[in-house]
Amino acid sequence: MDFQPIILLNELAGYLIGSIPFGLILTRMAGLGDIRQIGSGNIGATNVLRTGHKGLAALTLFLDGLKGTAAVFLGHWIGTASGVPVWMFALFGGIAAFLGHIFPVWLGFKGGKGVATFIGVLLGFYWPAGLLFLALWLVTAYLSRYSSLSALLASVIVPIAMAITHVQGAYFVLLMSAMLIFKHRANIERLVAGTEPKLGVKK
């Protein structure tokens, strides 16, 4: 059986799910204009929070995470129905959603940084890793008030932990971590310079 069309279908479906720009959609529906013209210009929950609407930021966070989980579940279903390695299809679907969030075709491939979607992928694929990422993010954010630092720290530790508990998946999670760190390169520069904005600060 030729699995290539099934693989392409899985990747395309995951990408399209991930490319839905919930942050942009929700802020426009709330009458806040284009979120890309506010704060960092990012479409993610952290920038939505800078509008002062905590509920809207929380909803953005939830929906962006749900994209990753939904893509993983869809990939699992496609893999099961096609008789192919289920864990691989599930994770590939999640990675495609992660890429869709970061590089949405609808926004000229300029999307979010992928933290919430990353967490959603982990929760759907291997929930202990997702909970670890979330716990690390929350603790670091509480102590430092830096969303970017929290994401960077978690993205470094989680692949290491997965290398012990889920070796096959760890390689792909490491790939997502590398991409997440790449998307945060400007944040890293601001952290070093001491100019990175803290959580809850309006711009």
N, C-alpha and C. Protein backbone atom coordinates (compact mmCIF):
# COMPACT_ATOMS: atom_id res chain seq x y z
N MET A 1 0.84 -1.20 0.00
CA MET A 1 0.00 0.00 0.00
C MET A 1 0.87 1.25 0.00
N ASP A 2 0.51 2.22 -0.84
CA ASP A 2 1.25 3.47 -0.93
C ASP A 2 0.76 4.42 0.17
N PHE A 3 1.62 4.69 1.16
CA PHE A 3 1.22 5.52 2.29
C PHE A 3 1.46 7.01 2.05
N GLN A 4 2.14 7.34 0.94
CA GLN A 4 2.49 8.74 0.72
C GLN A 4 1.28 9.67 0.68
N PRO A 5 0.19 9.33 -0.05
CA PRO A 5 -0.99 10.22 -0.03
C PRO A 5 -1.59 10.37 1.37
N ILE A 6 -1.55 9.30 2.16
CA ILE A 6 -2.10 9.35 3.51
C ILE A 6 -1.23 10.26 4.39
N ILE A 7 0.07 10.15 4.22
CA ILE A 7 0.99 11.01 4.97
C ILE A 7 0.76 12.47 4.63
N LEU A 8 0.62 12.76 3.34
CA LEU A 8 0.37 14.14 2.90
C LEU A 8 -0.95 14.67 3.43
N LEU A 9 -1.97 13.82 3.43
CA LEU A 9 -3.28 14.21 3.97
C LEU A 9 -3.17 14.54 5.45
N ASN A 10 -2.46 13.70 6.18
CA ASN A 10 -2.26 13.91 7.61
C ASN A 10 -1.54 15.23 7.88
N GLU A 11 -0.49 15.48 7.12
CA GLU A 11 0.29 16.71 7.32
C GLU A 11 -0.51 17.94 6.94
N LEU A 12 -1.25 17.86 5.85
CA LEU A 12 -2.04 19.01 5.40
C LEU A 12 -3.15 19.32 6.40
N ALA A 13 -3.81 18.29 6.89
CA ALA A 13 -4.88 18.50 7.87
C ALA A 13 -4.33 19.12 9.15
N GLY A 14 -3.19 18.62 9.62
CA GLY A 14 -2.57 19.17 10.81
C GLY A 14 -2.17 20.62 10.62
N TYR A 15 -1.58 20.91 9.46
CA TYR A 15 -1.16 22.29 9.18
C TYR A 15 -2.34 23.24 9.16
N LEU A 16 -3.43 22.85 8.49
CA LEU A 16 -4.60 23.73 8.39
C LEU A 16 -5.23 23.98 9.76
N ILE A 17 -5.26 22.95 10.59
CA ILE A 17 -5.77 23.13 11.95
C ILE A 17 -4.90 24.13 12.71
N GLY A 18 -3.60 23.94 12.61
CA GLY A 18 -2.67 24.81 13.34
C GLY A 18 -2.64 26.24 12.82
N SER A 19 -3.01 26.43 11.57
CA SER A 19 -2.90 27.77 10.97
C SER A 19 -4.05 28.70 11.32
N ILE A 20 -5.05 28.21 12.06
CA ILE A 20 -6.17 29.07 12.45
C ILE A 20 -5.68 30.11 13.46
N PRO A 21 -5.68 31.40 13.13
CA PRO A 21 -5.12 32.43 14.01
C PRO A 21 -6.12 32.91 15.05
N PHE A 22 -6.34 32.11 16.08
CA PHE A 22 -7.37 32.43 17.06
C PHE A 22 -7.13 33.77 17.75
N GLY A 23 -5.88 34.11 18.04
CA GLY A 23 -5.61 35.38 18.69
C GLY A 23 -6.08 36.56 17.86
N LEU A 24 -5.83 36.50 16.58
CA LEU A 24 -6.25 37.56 15.66
C LEU A 24 -7.76 37.59 15.53
N ILE A 25 -8.37 36.42 15.39
CA ILE A 25 -9.83 36.34 15.22
C ILE A 25 -10.56 36.85 16.46
N LEU A 26 -10.13 36.41 17.63
CA LEU A 26 -10.82 36.78 18.87
C LEU A 26 -10.70 38.26 19.17
N THR A 27 -9.52 38.83 18.97
CA THR A 27 -9.35 40.26 19.27
C THR A 27 -10.14 41.13 18.29
N ARG A 28 -10.24 40.70 17.06
CA ARG A 28 -11.06 41.45 16.11
C ARG A 28 -12.53 41.34 16.46
N MET A 29 -12.97 40.15 16.86
CA MET A 29 -14.36 39.98 17.26
C MET A 29 -14.69 40.82 18.50
N ALA A 30 -13.70 41.05 19.35
CA ALA A 30 -13.89 41.83 20.56
C ALA A 30 -13.77 43.34 20.31
N GLY A 31 -13.51 43.71 19.06
CA GLY A 31 -13.41 45.12 18.72
C GLY A 31 -12.09 45.76 19.09
N LEU A 32 -11.04 44.95 19.24
CA LEU A 32 -9.73 45.47 19.63
C LEU A 32 -8.82 45.75 18.45
N GLY A 33 -9.32 45.55 17.25
CA GLY A 33 -8.51 45.80 16.07
C GLY A 33 -7.58 44.65 15.75
N ASP A 34 -6.49 44.96 15.10
CA ASP A 34 -5.52 43.96 14.66
C ASP A 34 -4.47 43.75 15.74
N ILE A 35 -4.43 42.57 16.33
CA ILE A 35 -3.47 42.28 17.41
C ILE A 35 -2.03 42.42 16.94
N ARG A 36 -1.83 42.34 15.63
CA ARG A 36 -0.47 42.48 15.09
C ARG A 36 0.04 43.91 15.17
N GLN A 37 -0.86 44.85 15.49
CA GLN A 37 -0.46 46.25 15.66
C GLN A 37 -0.31 46.62 17.13
N ILE A 38 -0.38 45.62 18.01
CA ILE A 38 -0.29 45.85 19.45
C ILE A 38 0.93 45.13 20.01
N GLY A 39 1.60 45.75 20.96
CA GLY A 39 2.70 45.10 21.66
C GLY A 39 3.77 44.56 20.75
N SER A 40 4.01 43.24 20.88
CA SER A 40 5.06 42.60 20.09
C SER A 40 4.62 42.32 18.66
N GLY A 41 3.32 42.47 18.38
CA GLY A 41 2.82 42.15 17.06
C GLY A 41 2.53 40.67 16.88
N ASN A 42 2.69 39.90 17.94
CA ASN A 42 2.47 38.46 17.89
C ASN A 42 0.98 38.14 18.01
N ILE A 43 0.55 37.02 17.45
CA ILE A 43 -0.87 36.65 17.50
C ILE A 43 -1.19 35.71 18.65
N GLY A 44 -0.22 35.45 19.51
CA GLY A 44 -0.41 34.50 20.60
C GLY A 44 -1.04 35.10 21.85
N ALA A 45 -1.25 34.24 22.85
CA ALA A 45 -1.96 34.63 24.07
C ALA A 45 -1.21 35.69 24.87
N THR A 46 0.11 35.63 24.90
CA THR A 46 0.88 36.60 25.67
C THR A 46 0.65 38.01 25.16
N ASN A 47 0.62 38.17 23.85
CA ASN A 47 0.37 39.50 23.30
C ASN A 47 -1.08 39.92 23.47
N VAL A 48 -2.00 38.96 23.39
CA VAL A 48 -3.41 39.27 23.65
C VAL A 48 -3.56 39.78 25.08
N LEU A 49 -2.79 39.23 26.01
CA LEU A 49 -2.83 39.66 27.40
C LEU A 49 -2.45 41.13 27.53
N ARG A 50 -1.60 41.60 26.63
CA ARG A 50 -1.17 42.99 26.70
C ARG A 50 -2.28 43.98 26.35
N THR A 51 -3.39 43.47 25.83
CA THR A 51 -4.54 44.34 25.59
C THR A 51 -5.30 44.62 26.88
N GLY A 52 -4.96 43.85 27.94
CA GLY A 52 -5.65 44.01 29.21
C GLY A 52 -6.85 43.09 29.37
N HIS A 53 -7.14 42.28 28.38
CA HIS A 53 -8.28 41.38 28.41
C HIS A 53 -7.80 39.97 28.79
N LYS A 54 -7.79 39.68 30.09
CA LYS A 54 -7.26 38.40 30.57
C LYS A 54 -8.10 37.22 30.08
N GLY A 55 -9.41 37.39 30.06
CA GLY A 55 -10.28 36.31 29.61
C GLY A 55 -10.03 35.96 28.16
N LEU A 56 -9.82 36.98 27.34
CA LEU A 56 -9.55 36.77 25.92
C LEU A 56 -8.20 36.09 25.73
N ALA A 57 -7.22 36.47 26.55
CA ALA A 57 -5.91 35.84 26.48
C ALA A 57 -5.99 34.37 26.88
N ALA A 58 -6.78 34.09 27.92
CA ALA A 58 -6.94 32.70 28.37
C ALA A 58 -7.63 31.85 27.31
N LEU A 59 -8.62 32.43 26.65
CA LEU A 59 -9.32 31.70 25.59
C LEU A 59 -8.39 31.44 24.40
N THR A 60 -7.57 32.43 24.07
CA THR A 60 -6.59 32.26 22.99
C THR A 60 -5.61 31.15 23.33
N LEU A 61 -5.14 31.15 24.57
CA LEU A 61 -4.21 30.11 25.03
C LEU A 61 -4.84 28.73 24.91
N PHE A 62 -6.09 28.62 25.34
CA PHE A 62 -6.78 27.33 25.30
C PHE A 62 -6.97 26.85 23.86
N LEU A 63 -7.44 27.74 22.99
CA LEU A 63 -7.73 27.34 21.61
C LEU A 63 -6.45 27.04 20.84
N ASP A 64 -5.39 27.81 21.08
CA ASP A 64 -4.11 27.53 20.41
C ASP A 64 -3.55 26.19 20.86
N GLY A 65 -3.74 25.87 22.14
CA GLY A 65 -3.31 24.56 22.62
C GLY A 65 -4.16 23.44 22.06
N LEU A 66 -5.46 23.71 21.96
CA LEU A 66 -6.39 22.70 21.44
C LEU A 66 -6.06 22.33 20.00
N LYS A 67 -5.53 23.28 19.24
CA LYS A 67 -5.14 22.99 17.85
C LYS A 67 -4.13 21.84 17.81
N GLY A 68 -3.14 21.92 18.68
CA GLY A 68 -2.12 20.89 18.71
C GLY A 68 -2.67 19.54 19.12
N THR A 69 -3.52 19.53 20.16
CA THR A 69 -4.11 18.28 20.62
C THR A 69 -5.02 17.67 19.56
N ALA A 70 -5.83 18.51 18.92
CA ALA A 70 -6.75 18.03 17.89
C ALA A 70 -6.00 17.41 16.72
N ALA A 71 -4.89 18.02 16.32
CA ALA A 71 -4.10 17.49 15.20
C ALA A 71 -3.47 16.15 15.56
N VAL A 72 -3.04 16.01 16.81
CA VAL A 72 -2.48 14.73 17.27
C VAL A 72 -3.55 13.65 17.24
N PHE A 73 -4.73 13.96 17.74
CA PHE A 73 -5.82 12.97 17.76
C PHE A 73 -6.25 12.59 16.34
N LEU A 74 -6.29 13.60 15.46
CA LEU A 74 -6.65 13.32 14.08
C LEU A 74 -5.61 12.43 13.42
N GLY A 75 -4.33 12.72 13.67
CA GLY A 75 -3.26 11.89 13.13
C GLY A 75 -3.34 10.47 13.66
N HIS A 76 -3.70 10.32 14.92
CA HIS A 76 -3.87 8.99 15.52
C HIS A 76 -4.99 8.24 14.81
N TRP A 77 -6.09 8.94 14.56
CA TRP A 77 -7.23 8.31 13.88
C TRP A 77 -6.86 7.91 12.45
N ILE A 78 -6.16 8.79 11.74
CA ILE A 78 -5.76 8.48 10.37
C ILE A 78 -4.80 7.28 10.36
N GLY A 79 -3.87 7.26 11.29
CA GLY A 79 -2.93 6.16 11.38
C GLY A 79 -3.62 4.84 11.68
N THR A 80 -4.58 4.88 12.60
CA THR A 80 -5.33 3.67 12.96
C THR A 80 -6.13 3.14 11.77
N ALA A 81 -6.79 4.07 11.08
CA ALA A 81 -7.62 3.67 9.94
C ALA A 81 -6.80 3.17 8.76
N SER A 82 -5.54 3.58 8.69
CA SER A 82 -4.70 3.23 7.54
C SER A 82 -3.75 2.08 7.83
N GLY A 83 -3.68 1.66 9.08
CA GLY A 83 -2.81 0.54 9.42
C GLY A 83 -1.34 0.91 9.40
N VAL A 84 -1.01 2.14 9.76
CA VAL A 84 0.38 2.60 9.78
C VAL A 84 0.76 2.90 11.23
N PRO A 85 2.06 3.14 11.50
CA PRO A 85 2.48 3.44 12.88
C PRO A 85 1.71 4.61 13.47
N VAL A 86 0.87 4.32 14.46
CA VAL A 86 -0.04 5.32 14.99
C VAL A 86 0.70 6.46 15.69
N TRP A 87 1.70 6.13 16.52
CA TRP A 87 2.39 7.18 17.27
C TRP A 87 3.07 8.17 16.33
N MET A 88 3.60 7.65 15.23
CA MET A 88 4.29 8.52 14.27
C MET A 88 3.31 9.46 13.57
N PHE A 89 2.18 8.92 13.14
CA PHE A 89 1.18 9.76 12.48
C PHE A 89 0.63 10.80 13.44
N ALA A 90 0.42 10.40 14.68
CA ALA A 90 -0.10 11.33 15.68
C ALA A 90 0.87 12.49 15.89
N LEU A 91 2.14 12.16 16.04
CA LEU A 91 3.14 13.20 16.30
C LEU A 91 3.38 14.06 15.06
N PHE A 92 3.39 13.44 13.88
CA PHE A 92 3.57 14.21 12.65
C PHE A 92 2.41 15.19 12.45
N GLY A 93 1.21 14.75 12.78
CA GLY A 93 0.07 15.66 12.69
C GLY A 93 0.23 16.84 13.64
N GLY A 94 0.73 16.56 14.85
CA GLY A 94 0.97 17.62 15.82
C GLY A 94 2.05 18.59 15.38
N ILE A 95 3.12 18.05 14.82
CA ILE A 95 4.21 18.91 14.32
C ILE A 95 3.70 19.81 13.19
N ALA A 96 2.86 19.24 12.34
CA ALA A 96 2.29 20.03 11.24
C ALA A 96 1.43 21.18 11.79
N ALA A 97 0.67 20.92 12.86
CA ALA A 97 -0.12 21.97 13.49
C ALA A 97 0.78 23.04 14.09
N PHE A 98 1.86 22.61 14.70
CA PHE A 98 2.85 23.53 15.28
C PHE A 98 3.41 24.44 14.19
N LEU A 99 3.75 23.85 13.04
CA LEU A 99 4.25 24.63 11.92
C LEU A 99 3.18 25.57 11.37
N GLY A 100 1.93 25.07 11.34
CA GLY A 100 0.84 25.90 10.86
C GLY A 100 0.64 27.13 11.72
N HIS A 101 0.80 26.99 13.03
CA HIS A 101 0.66 28.12 13.93
C HIS A 101 1.79 29.13 13.73
N ILE A 102 2.99 28.62 13.56
CA ILE A 102 4.16 29.50 13.40
C ILE A 102 4.20 30.14 12.02
N PHE A 103 3.83 29.37 11.00
CA PHE A 103 3.89 29.86 9.62
C PHE A 103 2.54 29.71 8.92
N PRO A 104 1.52 30.45 9.34
CA PRO A 104 0.20 30.33 8.70
C PRO A 104 0.18 30.99 7.32
N VAL A 105 -0.28 30.25 6.34
CA VAL A 105 -0.29 30.77 4.97
C VAL A 105 -1.18 32.00 4.87
N TRP A 106 -2.23 32.06 5.70
CA TRP A 106 -3.20 33.16 5.62
C TRP A 106 -2.60 34.49 6.07
N LEU A 107 -1.52 34.44 6.83
CA LEU A 107 -0.92 35.67 7.37
C LEU A 107 0.48 35.89 6.82
N GLY A 108 0.69 35.42 5.60
CA GLY A 108 2.01 35.60 4.99
C GLY A 108 3.10 34.84 5.71
N PHE A 109 2.74 33.70 6.32
CA PHE A 109 3.66 32.83 7.05
C PHE A 109 4.27 33.52 8.28
N LYS A 110 3.57 34.52 8.80
CA LYS A 110 4.03 35.22 10.00
C LYS A 110 3.01 34.99 11.11
N GLY A 111 3.27 33.95 11.91
CA GLY A 111 2.33 33.58 12.96
C GLY A 111 2.89 33.76 14.35
N GLY A 112 2.41 32.92 15.26
CA GLY A 112 2.84 33.00 16.65
C GLY A 112 4.13 32.25 16.89
N LYS A 113 4.50 32.15 18.15
CA LYS A 113 5.76 31.50 18.50
C LYS A 113 5.58 30.04 18.90
N GLY A 114 4.34 29.61 19.01
CA GLY A 114 4.06 28.19 19.10
C GLY A 114 4.03 27.57 20.48
N VAL A 115 4.11 28.35 21.54
CA VAL A 115 4.20 27.77 22.88
C VAL A 115 2.94 26.99 23.24
N ALA A 116 1.79 27.63 23.11
CA ALA A 116 0.53 26.96 23.47
C ALA A 116 0.28 25.74 22.60
N THR A 117 0.55 25.85 21.31
CA THR A 117 0.34 24.73 20.40
C THR A 117 1.31 23.60 20.72
N PHE A 118 2.53 23.94 21.09
CA PHE A 118 3.53 22.96 21.51
C PHE A 118 2.99 22.18 22.72
N ILE A 119 2.48 22.90 23.70
CA ILE A 119 1.92 22.24 24.88
C ILE A 119 0.76 21.33 24.50
N GLY A 120 -0.09 21.82 23.61
CA GLY A 120 -1.23 21.01 23.16
C GLY A 120 -0.79 19.73 22.46
N VAL A 121 0.25 19.82 21.65
CA VAL A 121 0.79 18.63 20.98
C VAL A 121 1.30 17.63 22.02
N LEU A 122 2.05 18.13 22.99
CA LEU A 122 2.60 17.25 24.02
C LEU A 122 1.49 16.58 24.83
N LEU A 123 0.47 17.34 25.21
CA LEU A 123 -0.63 16.78 25.99
C LEU A 123 -1.37 15.70 25.21
N GLY A 124 -1.51 15.90 23.92
CA GLY A 124 -2.20 14.91 23.09
C GLY A 124 -1.36 13.69 22.82
N PHE A 125 -0.05 13.88 22.66
CA PHE A 125 0.83 12.77 22.27
C PHE A 125 1.35 12.00 23.47
N TYR A 126 1.83 12.72 24.48
CA TYR A 126 2.44 12.09 25.66
C TYR A 126 2.22 13.03 26.84
N TRP A 127 1.08 12.87 27.49
CA TRP A 127 0.62 13.87 28.45
C TRP A 127 1.60 14.16 29.60
N PRO A 128 2.42 13.20 30.08
CA PRO A 128 3.37 13.58 31.14
C PRO A 128 4.33 14.68 30.69
N ALA A 129 4.75 14.63 29.42
CA ALA A 129 5.64 15.67 28.90
C ALA A 129 4.91 17.01 28.81
N GLY A 130 3.63 16.96 28.44
CA GLY A 130 2.84 18.17 28.37
C GLY A 130 2.67 18.80 29.73
N LEU A 131 2.39 17.99 30.75
CA LEU A 131 2.24 18.50 32.11
C LEU A 131 3.56 19.05 32.64
N LEU A 132 4.67 18.39 32.29
CA LEU A 132 5.98 18.88 32.71
C LEU A 132 6.27 20.24 32.10
N PHE A 133 5.99 20.39 30.81
CA PHE A 133 6.21 21.67 30.13
C PHE A 133 5.36 22.75 30.80
N LEU A 134 4.10 22.43 31.03
CA LEU A 134 3.17 23.40 31.62
C LEU A 134 3.61 23.79 33.02
N ALA A 135 4.05 22.81 33.81
CA ALA A 135 4.49 23.09 35.18
C ALA A 135 5.74 23.97 35.18
N LEU A 136 6.69 23.64 34.31
CA LEU A 136 7.91 24.45 34.22
C LEU A 136 7.59 25.87 33.79
N TRP A 137 6.68 25.99 32.83
CA TRP A 137 6.30 27.32 32.35
C TRP A 137 5.66 28.13 33.47
N LEU A 138 4.71 27.53 34.18
CA LEU A 138 3.99 28.24 35.23
C LEU A 138 4.91 28.67 36.37
N VAL A 139 5.78 27.77 36.81
CA VAL A 139 6.68 28.10 37.92
C VAL A 139 7.66 29.20 37.52
N THR A 140 8.25 29.07 36.33
CA THR A 140 9.21 30.07 35.87
C THR A 140 8.53 31.42 35.64
N ALA A 141 7.32 31.39 35.07
CA ALA A 141 6.59 32.63 34.83
C ALA A 141 6.23 33.31 36.15
N TYR A 142 5.86 32.51 37.15
CA TYR A 142 5.50 33.07 38.46
C TYR A 142 6.71 33.73 39.12
N LEU A 143 7.86 33.09 39.00
CA LEU A 143 9.05 33.59 39.66
C LEU A 143 9.71 34.75 38.90
N SER A 144 9.68 34.68 37.57
CA SER A 144 10.41 35.68 36.77
C SER A 144 9.53 36.73 36.12
N ARG A 145 8.25 36.38 35.89
CA ARG A 145 7.30 37.22 35.16
C ARG A 145 7.65 37.35 33.68
N TYR A 146 8.50 36.47 33.19
CA TYR A 146 8.88 36.49 31.77
C TYR A 146 8.28 35.27 31.08
N SER A 147 7.35 35.50 30.16
CA SER A 147 6.76 34.40 29.40
C SER A 147 7.78 33.72 28.52
N SER A 148 8.63 34.51 27.87
CA SER A 148 9.61 33.96 26.95
C SER A 148 10.62 33.07 27.66
N LEU A 149 11.11 33.52 28.81
CA LEU A 149 12.07 32.73 29.58
C LEU A 149 11.45 31.41 30.02
N SER A 150 10.18 31.46 30.41
CA SER A 150 9.47 30.26 30.84
C SER A 150 9.40 29.23 29.71
N ALA A 151 9.06 29.71 28.50
CA ALA A 151 8.95 28.82 27.35
C ALA A 151 10.31 28.26 26.96
N LEU A 152 11.33 29.08 27.00
CA LEU A 152 12.67 28.64 26.62
C LEU A 152 13.20 27.58 27.57
N LEU A 153 13.01 27.81 28.86
CA LEU A 153 13.48 26.83 29.85
C LEU A 153 12.76 25.50 29.67
N ALA A 154 11.44 25.55 29.52
CA ALA A 154 10.66 24.33 29.36
C ALA A 154 11.03 23.59 28.08
N SER A 155 11.28 24.33 27.01
CA SER A 155 11.60 23.70 25.73
C SER A 155 12.97 23.03 25.73
N VAL A 156 13.83 23.42 26.67
CA VAL A 156 15.13 22.76 26.80
C VAL A 156 15.02 21.51 27.67
N ILE A 157 14.27 21.59 28.76
CA ILE A 157 14.20 20.49 29.72
C ILE A 157 13.32 19.33 29.23
N VAL A 158 12.20 19.64 28.59
CA VAL A 158 11.25 18.59 28.20
C VAL A 158 11.86 17.55 27.24
N PRO A 159 12.58 17.94 26.18
CA PRO A 159 13.17 16.91 25.31
C PRO A 159 14.16 16.01 26.05
N ILE A 160 14.88 16.59 27.02
CA ILE A 160 15.81 15.78 27.81
C ILE A 160 15.06 14.75 28.63
N ALA A 161 13.97 15.19 29.24
CA ALA A 161 13.15 14.26 30.03
C ALA A 161 12.53 13.19 29.13
N MET A 162 12.10 13.57 27.95
CA MET A 162 11.51 12.59 27.03
C MET A 162 12.53 11.60 26.51
N ALA A 163 13.78 12.00 26.44
CA ALA A 163 14.83 11.09 25.98
C ALA A 163 14.97 9.89 26.91
N ILE A 164 14.50 10.06 28.14
CA ILE A 164 14.56 8.98 29.12
C ILE A 164 13.31 8.11 29.07
N THR A 165 12.15 8.76 28.83
CA THR A 165 10.88 8.06 28.94
C THR A 165 10.23 7.69 27.61
N HIS A 166 10.56 8.43 26.55
CA HIS A 166 9.95 8.17 25.24
C HIS A 166 10.96 8.55 24.16
N VAL A 167 11.93 7.66 23.96
CA VAL A 167 13.08 7.98 23.11
C VAL A 167 12.67 8.34 21.69
N GLN A 168 11.76 7.56 21.10
CA GLN A 168 11.37 7.82 19.71
C GLN A 168 10.75 9.21 19.55
N GLY A 169 9.82 9.55 20.43
CA GLY A 169 9.17 10.85 20.34
C GLY A 169 10.09 12.00 20.68
N ALA A 170 11.13 11.73 21.48
CA ALA A 170 12.03 12.80 21.94
C ALA A 170 12.71 13.50 20.77
N TYR A 171 13.07 12.75 19.72
CA TYR A 171 13.75 13.36 18.58
C TYR A 171 12.87 14.42 17.92
N PHE A 172 11.60 14.11 17.78
CA PHE A 172 10.68 15.04 17.12
C PHE A 172 10.33 16.22 18.02
N VAL A 173 10.23 15.96 19.31
CA VAL A 173 9.99 17.05 20.26
C VAL A 173 11.19 17.98 20.31
N LEU A 174 12.39 17.42 20.19
CA LEU A 174 13.59 18.23 20.14
C LEU A 174 13.57 19.15 18.92
N LEU A 175 13.05 18.66 17.81
CA LEU A 175 12.93 19.47 16.61
C LEU A 175 12.00 20.65 16.85
N MET A 176 10.85 20.40 17.49
CA MET A 176 9.93 21.49 17.80
C MET A 176 10.55 22.48 18.78
N SER A 177 11.30 21.96 19.74
CA SER A 177 11.96 22.83 20.71
C SER A 177 12.96 23.75 20.03
N ALA A 178 13.71 23.20 19.08
CA ALA A 178 14.69 24.00 18.35
C ALA A 178 14.00 25.12 17.57
N MET A 179 12.87 24.80 16.97
CA MET A 179 12.13 25.80 16.21
C MET A 179 11.53 26.86 17.14
N LEU A 180 11.05 26.43 18.30
CA LEU A 180 10.49 27.37 19.27
C LEU A 180 11.58 28.34 19.75
N ILE A 181 12.76 27.81 20.03
CA ILE A 181 13.87 28.66 20.46
C ILE A 181 14.25 29.63 19.35
N PHE A 182 14.25 29.15 18.10
CA PHE A 182 14.56 30.02 16.97
C PHE A 182 13.56 31.17 16.88
N LYS A 183 12.29 30.87 17.09
CA LYS A 183 11.26 31.91 17.04
C LYS A 183 11.39 32.91 18.18
N HIS A 184 12.10 32.52 19.24
CA HIS A 184 12.28 33.41 20.39
C HIS A 184 13.63 34.13 20.37
N ARG A 185 14.30 34.13 19.24
CA ARG A 185 15.64 34.72 19.21
C ARG A 185 15.64 36.21 19.59
N ALA A 186 14.62 36.95 19.17
CA ALA A 186 14.53 38.36 19.54
C ALA A 186 14.29 38.50 21.04
N ASN A 187 13.49 37.60 21.59
CA ASN A 187 13.24 37.62 23.04
C ASN A 187 14.52 37.34 23.82
N ILE A 188 15.33 36.42 23.29
CA ILE A 188 16.60 36.10 23.95
C ILE A 188 17.49 37.32 23.99
N GLU A 189 17.54 38.06 22.89
CA GLU A 189 18.35 39.28 22.85
C GLU A 189 17.86 40.31 23.87
N ARG A 190 16.52 40.43 23.99
CA ARG A 190 15.97 41.39 24.96
C ARG A 190 16.17 40.93 26.40
N LEU A 191 16.12 39.63 26.61
CA LEU A 191 16.38 39.11 27.96
C LEU A 191 17.81 39.43 28.38
N VAL A 192 18.73 39.24 27.48
CA VAL A 192 20.14 39.53 27.76
C VAL A 192 20.34 41.03 28.01
N ALA A 193 19.62 41.83 27.23
CA ALA A 193 19.76 43.29 27.35
C ALA A 193 18.94 43.87 28.51
N GLY A 194 18.05 43.04 29.09
CA GLY A 194 17.22 43.51 30.19
C GLY A 194 16.04 44.35 29.75
N THR A 195 15.63 44.22 28.50
CA THR A 195 14.52 45.04 27.97
C THR A 195 13.28 44.22 27.64
N GLU A 196 13.29 42.94 27.99
CA GLU A 196 12.14 42.09 27.70
C GLU A 196 10.96 42.49 28.58
N PRO A 197 9.76 42.75 27.98
CA PRO A 197 8.60 43.10 28.80
C PRO A 197 8.12 41.92 29.63
N LYS A 198 7.59 42.24 30.82
CA LYS A 198 7.11 41.19 31.70
C LYS A 198 5.63 40.92 31.48
N LEU A 199 5.17 39.79 31.98
CA LEU A 199 3.78 39.40 31.85
C LEU A 199 2.86 40.42 32.52
N GLY A 200 1.75 40.71 31.86
CA GLY A 200 0.76 41.61 32.44
C GLY A 200 1.00 43.07 32.18
N VAL A 201 2.12 43.39 31.50
CA VAL A 201 2.44 44.78 31.20
C VAL A 201 1.81 45.16 29.86
N LYS A 202 0.96 46.17 29.87
CA LYS A 202 0.34 46.62 28.63
C LYS A 202 1.34 47.40 27.79
N LYS A 203 1.13 47.33 26.46
CA LYS A 203 1.95 48.13 25.56
C LYS A 203 1.08 49.02 24.71
